[in-house]
Amino acid sequence: YDYFKQRFAQVTNPPIDPLREGIVMSLAVRLGRRGNLLKPEADSVQQVNLTSPVLIEEELEDVMATDFLQAKKFSTFFQAGGSLSDAIKELCKEVEASVRGGCQCVVLSDKPEGRISVDRPAMPILLAAGAVNHHLIEAGLRTEASIVCETAQCFSTHHFACLIGYGVSAVCPYLALEACRQWRMSPKTESLIKKGRVSKLSIEDCQHNFRFAINKGLKKILSKMGFSLLNSYQGAQIFDIYGLA
């Protein structure tokens, strides 16, 4: 992520004030097949609507359980010592085959099933998501499915912006959410709450506060280029990349 620097509108900065003009901004996203925009049909609007691109684990489970999406999870782990390039190409082929088979929601995940192994590292999620995004474009299938990431490699607003800018619709930052829960359940936080120095928050409140903060940060990032809708930012790739071959 550190190689990616977002461009900004240099004439008026910011073109939109996310604090005072936030009423015209929206982070809403939709998951599912878009259909042919030139031939609107009834099934073109059968999608899942999200008010934010930040998903909590329970919400991701709901997405996975939505019948018409036929969501499928793809592991981004690969064999250490092997070719990362070949592993990404294989991942793209698996995703393409699933989308052709009716999958409308591709979930790229680096959440381990069991114990973490040094023999099975995870791909950089931004690299994997960008590769899948472009592969589906080249295959003429990009509007047939949405891309969602379940990743530990995303915890700041810049991380979210990079993923969304390279085609991702929503992100479940499971490690960041786990950090919120660990903070709330720690003895130090409990002590601060008892002393009245920290507000009494539930675990759910902590997770929603994290999402609220990310949402505010994303609106500020969108405003630098004058975007009012997250849908317009998605896949725009408005980054200058320094020092990355």
Protein backbone atom coordinates (compact mmCIF):
# COMPACT_ATOMS: atom_id res chain seq x y z
CA TYR A 1 0.00 0.00 0.00
CA ASP A 2 2.86 2.38 0.79
CA TYR A 3 3.82 2.63 -2.89
CA PHE A 4 0.39 3.97 -3.85
CA LYS A 5 -0.17 7.72 -3.61
CA GLN A 6 -3.60 9.02 -4.50
CA ARG A 7 -3.87 11.89 -6.93
CA PHE A 8 -5.80 15.00 -5.92
CA ALA A 9 -7.51 17.90 -7.66
CA GLN A 10 -4.85 20.62 -7.57
CA VAL A 11 -7.03 23.58 -8.60
CA THR A 12 -9.39 23.54 -5.63
CA ASN A 13 -8.49 21.35 -2.69
CA PRO A 14 -10.72 19.85 -1.54
CA PRO A 15 -13.35 20.09 -4.31
CA ILE A 16 -15.92 18.75 -1.81
CA ASP A 17 -15.95 19.39 1.93
CA PRO A 18 -16.93 16.03 3.48
CA LEU A 19 -17.89 17.73 6.76
CA ARG A 20 -20.14 20.50 5.45
CA GLU A 21 -21.22 18.96 2.14
CA GLY A 22 -21.41 15.32 3.23
CA ILE A 23 -25.13 15.22 2.46
CA VAL A 24 -24.30 14.80 -1.25
CA MET A 25 -21.83 11.96 -0.57
CA SER A 26 -22.63 8.26 -0.29
CA LEU A 27 -20.60 5.14 0.56
CA ALA A 28 -23.39 2.78 -0.50
CA VAL A 29 -22.33 -0.21 -2.59
CA ARG A 30 -24.18 -3.08 -4.24
CA LEU A 31 -23.15 -6.69 -4.52
CA GLY A 32 -24.20 -8.97 -7.34
CA ARG A 33 -24.60 -9.17 -11.07
CA ARG A 34 -25.23 -5.84 -12.80
CA GLY A 35 -26.61 -7.17 -16.06
CA ASN A 36 -26.62 -5.28 -19.33
CA LEU A 37 -27.06 -1.56 -18.64
CA LEU A 38 -28.29 -1.06 -22.21
CA LYS A 39 -31.04 -3.67 -21.81
CA PRO A 40 -32.60 -3.24 -18.34
CA GLU A 41 -34.36 -6.37 -17.11
CA ALA A 42 -36.09 -7.38 -13.89
CA ASP A 43 -33.20 -9.53 -12.62
CA SER A 44 -30.71 -6.70 -13.16
CA VAL A 45 -31.73 -5.16 -9.82
CA GLN A 46 -31.47 -8.33 -7.72
CA GLN A 47 -28.55 -7.18 -5.63
CA VAL A 48 -27.49 -6.79 -2.01
CA ASN A 49 -27.35 -3.15 -0.91
CA LEU A 50 -24.72 -2.12 1.65
CA THR A 51 -24.56 1.30 3.33
CA SER A 52 -20.78 0.95 3.81
CA PRO A 53 -17.97 -1.04 2.18
CA VAL A 54 -16.78 -2.11 5.66
CA LEU A 55 -18.26 -5.49 6.61
CA ILE A 56 -18.35 -7.03 10.08
CA GLU A 57 -17.97 -10.82 10.19
CA GLU A 58 -21.68 -11.46 10.78
CA GLU A 59 -22.56 -9.33 7.77
CA LEU A 60 -20.12 -11.25 5.59
CA GLU A 61 -21.79 -14.47 6.73
CA ASP A 62 -25.15 -13.03 5.65
CA VAL A 63 -23.68 -12.21 2.24
CA MET A 64 -22.31 -15.75 1.92
CA ALA A 65 -25.74 -17.14 2.84
CA THR A 66 -27.64 -15.07 0.24
CA ASP A 67 -28.90 -17.64 -2.25
CA PHE A 68 -29.00 -15.66 -5.48
CA LEU A 69 -25.44 -14.34 -5.02
CA GLN A 70 -23.98 -17.87 -4.94
CA ALA A 71 -21.00 -16.32 -3.15
CA LYS A 72 -17.83 -18.40 -3.09
CA LYS A 73 -14.71 -17.96 -0.98
CA PHE A 74 -11.25 -18.27 -2.53
CA SER A 75 -8.11 -18.71 -0.46
CA THR A 76 -5.19 -16.41 -1.27
CA PHE A 77 -2.60 -18.66 0.37
CA PHE A 78 0.03 -20.22 -1.87
CA GLN A 79 2.92 -22.65 -1.50
CA ALA A 80 6.12 -21.03 -0.21
CA GLY A 81 9.01 -21.42 -2.63
CA GLY A 82 6.62 -21.61 -5.57
CA SER A 83 5.87 -18.90 -8.10
CA LEU A 84 3.65 -16.12 -6.80
CA SER A 85 2.85 -15.18 -10.40
CA ASP A 86 1.68 -18.71 -11.21
CA ALA A 87 -0.38 -18.82 -8.00
CA ILE A 88 -2.16 -15.60 -8.93
CA LYS A 89 -2.84 -16.85 -12.47
CA GLU A 90 -4.32 -20.05 -11.00
CA LEU A 91 -6.50 -18.00 -8.63
CA CYS A 92 -7.77 -15.94 -11.57
CA LYS A 93 -8.67 -19.09 -13.50
CA GLU A 94 -10.59 -20.50 -10.52
CA VAL A 95 -12.50 -17.24 -10.11
CA GLU A 96 -13.33 -17.07 -13.82
CA ALA A 97 -14.66 -20.64 -13.81
CA SER A 98 -16.86 -19.91 -10.80
CA VAL A 99 -18.24 -16.68 -12.28
CA ARG A 100 -19.08 -18.51 -15.51
CA GLY A 101 -20.85 -21.08 -13.33
CA GLY A 102 -23.13 -18.43 -11.77
CA CYS A 103 -21.13 -17.02 -8.84
CA GLN A 104 -22.07 -13.35 -8.37
CA CYS A 105 -19.85 -12.59 -5.38
CA VAL A 106 -16.16 -13.51 -5.27
CA VAL A 107 -14.71 -13.46 -1.74
CA LEU A 108 -10.91 -13.36 -1.62
CA SER A 109 -9.79 -14.50 1.83
CA ASP A 110 -6.51 -14.71 3.73
CA LYS A 111 -8.22 -15.98 6.88
CA PRO A 112 -6.53 -19.29 7.79
CA GLU A 113 -8.69 -22.37 8.28
CA GLY A 114 -6.44 -23.74 11.04
CA ARG A 115 -2.96 -22.93 12.28
CA ILE A 116 -0.86 -20.43 10.34
CA SER A 117 2.04 -22.06 8.50
CA VAL A 118 5.20 -20.45 7.15
CA ASP A 119 4.94 -22.89 4.26
CA ARG A 120 1.67 -21.29 3.14
CA PRO A 121 2.01 -17.48 3.10
CA ALA A 122 -0.80 -15.24 1.91
CA MET A 123 -0.63 -13.20 -1.28
CA PRO A 124 -0.66 -9.41 -0.86
CA ILE A 125 -4.41 -8.86 -0.95
CA LEU A 126 -4.15 -5.71 -3.09
CA LEU A 127 -2.17 -7.64 -5.70
CA ALA A 128 -4.64 -10.54 -5.69
CA ALA A 129 -7.71 -8.29 -5.88
CA GLY A 130 -6.25 -6.16 -8.69
CA ALA A 131 -5.29 -9.25 -10.68
CA VAL A 132 -8.76 -10.81 -10.34
CA ASN A 133 -10.41 -7.50 -11.23
CA HIS A 134 -8.43 -7.14 -14.48
CA HIS A 135 -8.74 -10.80 -15.36
CA LEU A 136 -12.53 -10.60 -15.17
CA ILE A 137 -12.47 -7.43 -17.29
CA GLU A 138 -10.39 -9.16 -19.97
CA ALA A 139 -12.72 -12.17 -19.86
CA GLY A 140 -15.77 -9.90 -20.32
CA LEU A 141 -17.21 -11.02 -16.98
CA ARG A 142 -16.58 -8.08 -14.69
CA THR A 143 -20.22 -6.98 -14.45
CA GLU A 144 -21.29 -10.54 -13.64
CA ALA A 145 -19.79 -10.55 -10.13
CA SER A 146 -18.61 -8.35 -7.28
CA ILE A 147 -15.31 -8.75 -5.43
CA VAL A 148 -15.19 -8.82 -1.62
CA CYS A 149 -12.03 -9.20 0.50
CA GLU A 150 -11.80 -10.91 3.87
CA THR A 151 -8.36 -9.88 5.00
CA ALA A 152 -6.03 -9.11 7.88
CA GLN A 153 -4.02 -6.82 5.59
CA CYS A 154 -6.48 -3.93 5.77
CA PHE A 155 -6.92 -1.69 8.80
CA SER A 156 -6.49 1.98 7.77
CA THR A 157 -8.48 4.25 5.47
CA HIS A 158 -5.68 4.22 2.86
CA HIS A 159 -5.80 0.41 2.75
CA PHE A 160 -9.56 0.48 2.13
CA ALA A 161 -9.17 3.19 -0.51
CA CYS A 162 -6.52 1.22 -2.40
CA LEU A 163 -8.61 -1.96 -2.45
CA ILE A 164 -11.76 -0.14 -3.53
CA GLY A 165 -9.81 1.85 -6.11
CA TYR A 166 -8.70 -1.41 -7.70
CA GLY A 167 -12.17 -2.91 -8.01
CA VAL A 168 -13.16 -4.29 -4.58
CA SER A 169 -16.76 -3.65 -3.51
CA ALA A 170 -16.50 -4.43 0.21
CA VAL A 171 -13.90 -5.47 2.78
CA CYS A 172 -14.16 -7.50 5.99
CA PRO A 173 -11.07 -6.48 8.02
CA TYR A 174 -11.30 -9.42 10.42
CA LEU A 175 -8.02 -8.76 12.26
CA ALA A 176 -8.85 -5.07 12.85
CA LEU A 177 -12.26 -6.09 14.21
CA GLU A 178 -10.60 -8.69 16.44
CA ALA A 179 -8.29 -5.94 17.72
CA CYS A 180 -11.38 -3.87 18.63
CA ARG A 181 -12.81 -6.80 20.57
CA GLN A 182 -9.50 -7.52 22.33
CA TRP A 183 -9.18 -3.87 23.35
CA ARG A 184 -12.70 -3.85 24.79
CA MET A 185 -12.18 -7.08 26.77
CA SER A 186 -8.72 -6.17 28.13
CA PRO A 187 -8.39 -5.64 31.92
CA LYS A 188 -6.91 -2.19 31.34
CA THR A 189 -9.99 -1.04 29.40
CA GLU A 190 -12.29 -2.54 32.03
CA SER A 191 -10.40 -0.61 34.70
CA LEU A 192 -10.68 2.65 32.76
CA ILE A 193 -14.42 2.11 32.33
CA LYS A 194 -14.88 1.53 36.08
CA LYS A 195 -12.96 4.73 36.82
CA GLY A 196 -15.19 6.63 34.39
CA ARG A 197 -12.30 7.62 32.16
CA VAL A 198 -13.65 5.66 29.17
CA SER A 199 -17.30 5.41 28.09
CA LYS A 200 -18.98 2.09 28.72
CA LEU A 201 -19.14 0.52 25.28
CA SER A 202 -20.27 -2.90 24.16
CA ILE A 203 -18.15 -4.98 21.79
CA GLU A 204 -20.66 -4.18 19.05
CA ASP A 205 -20.27 -0.45 19.77
CA CYS A 206 -16.48 -0.72 19.42
CA GLN A 207 -16.79 -2.43 16.04
CA HIS A 208 -19.33 0.10 14.79
CA ASN A 209 -17.12 2.97 16.00
CA PHE A 210 -14.23 1.52 13.99
CA ARG A 211 -16.45 1.36 10.90
CA PHE A 212 -17.71 4.90 11.56
CA ALA A 213 -14.12 6.17 11.66
CA ILE A 214 -13.20 4.36 8.43
CA ASN A 215 -16.31 5.76 6.73
CA LYS A 216 -15.38 9.30 7.74
CA GLY A 217 -11.84 8.76 6.44
CA LEU A 218 -13.07 7.37 3.13
CA LYS A 219 -15.27 10.42 2.57
CA LYS A 220 -12.26 12.65 3.17
CA ILE A 221 -10.24 10.62 0.63
CA LEU A 222 -13.06 10.82 -1.94
CA SER A 223 -13.27 14.58 -1.48
CA LYS A 224 -9.65 15.08 -2.58
CA MET A 225 -10.65 14.24 -6.17
CA GLY A 226 -14.19 15.55 -5.99
CA PHE A 227 -15.93 12.15 -5.89
CA SER A 228 -19.29 12.19 -4.17
CA LEU A 229 -20.13 8.50 -4.65
CA LEU A 230 -18.03 5.51 -3.68
CA ASN A 231 -19.35 3.75 -6.80
CA SER A 232 -17.49 6.34 -8.89
CA TYR A 233 -14.25 5.74 -6.97
CA GLN A 234 -14.47 1.96 -7.26
CA GLY A 235 -12.07 0.68 -9.91
CA ALA A 236 -10.95 4.21 -10.85
CA GLN A 237 -7.28 3.43 -10.08
CA ILE A 238 -6.43 7.10 -9.54
CA PHE A 239 -3.07 6.37 -7.92
CA ASP A 240 0.48 7.26 -8.80
CA ILE A 241 2.75 4.31 -7.96
CA TYR A 242 6.30 5.15 -6.88
CA GLY A 243 9.16 2.68 -6.61
CA LEU A 244 7.19 -0.45 -7.44
CA ALA A 245 8.56 -2.26 -10.50
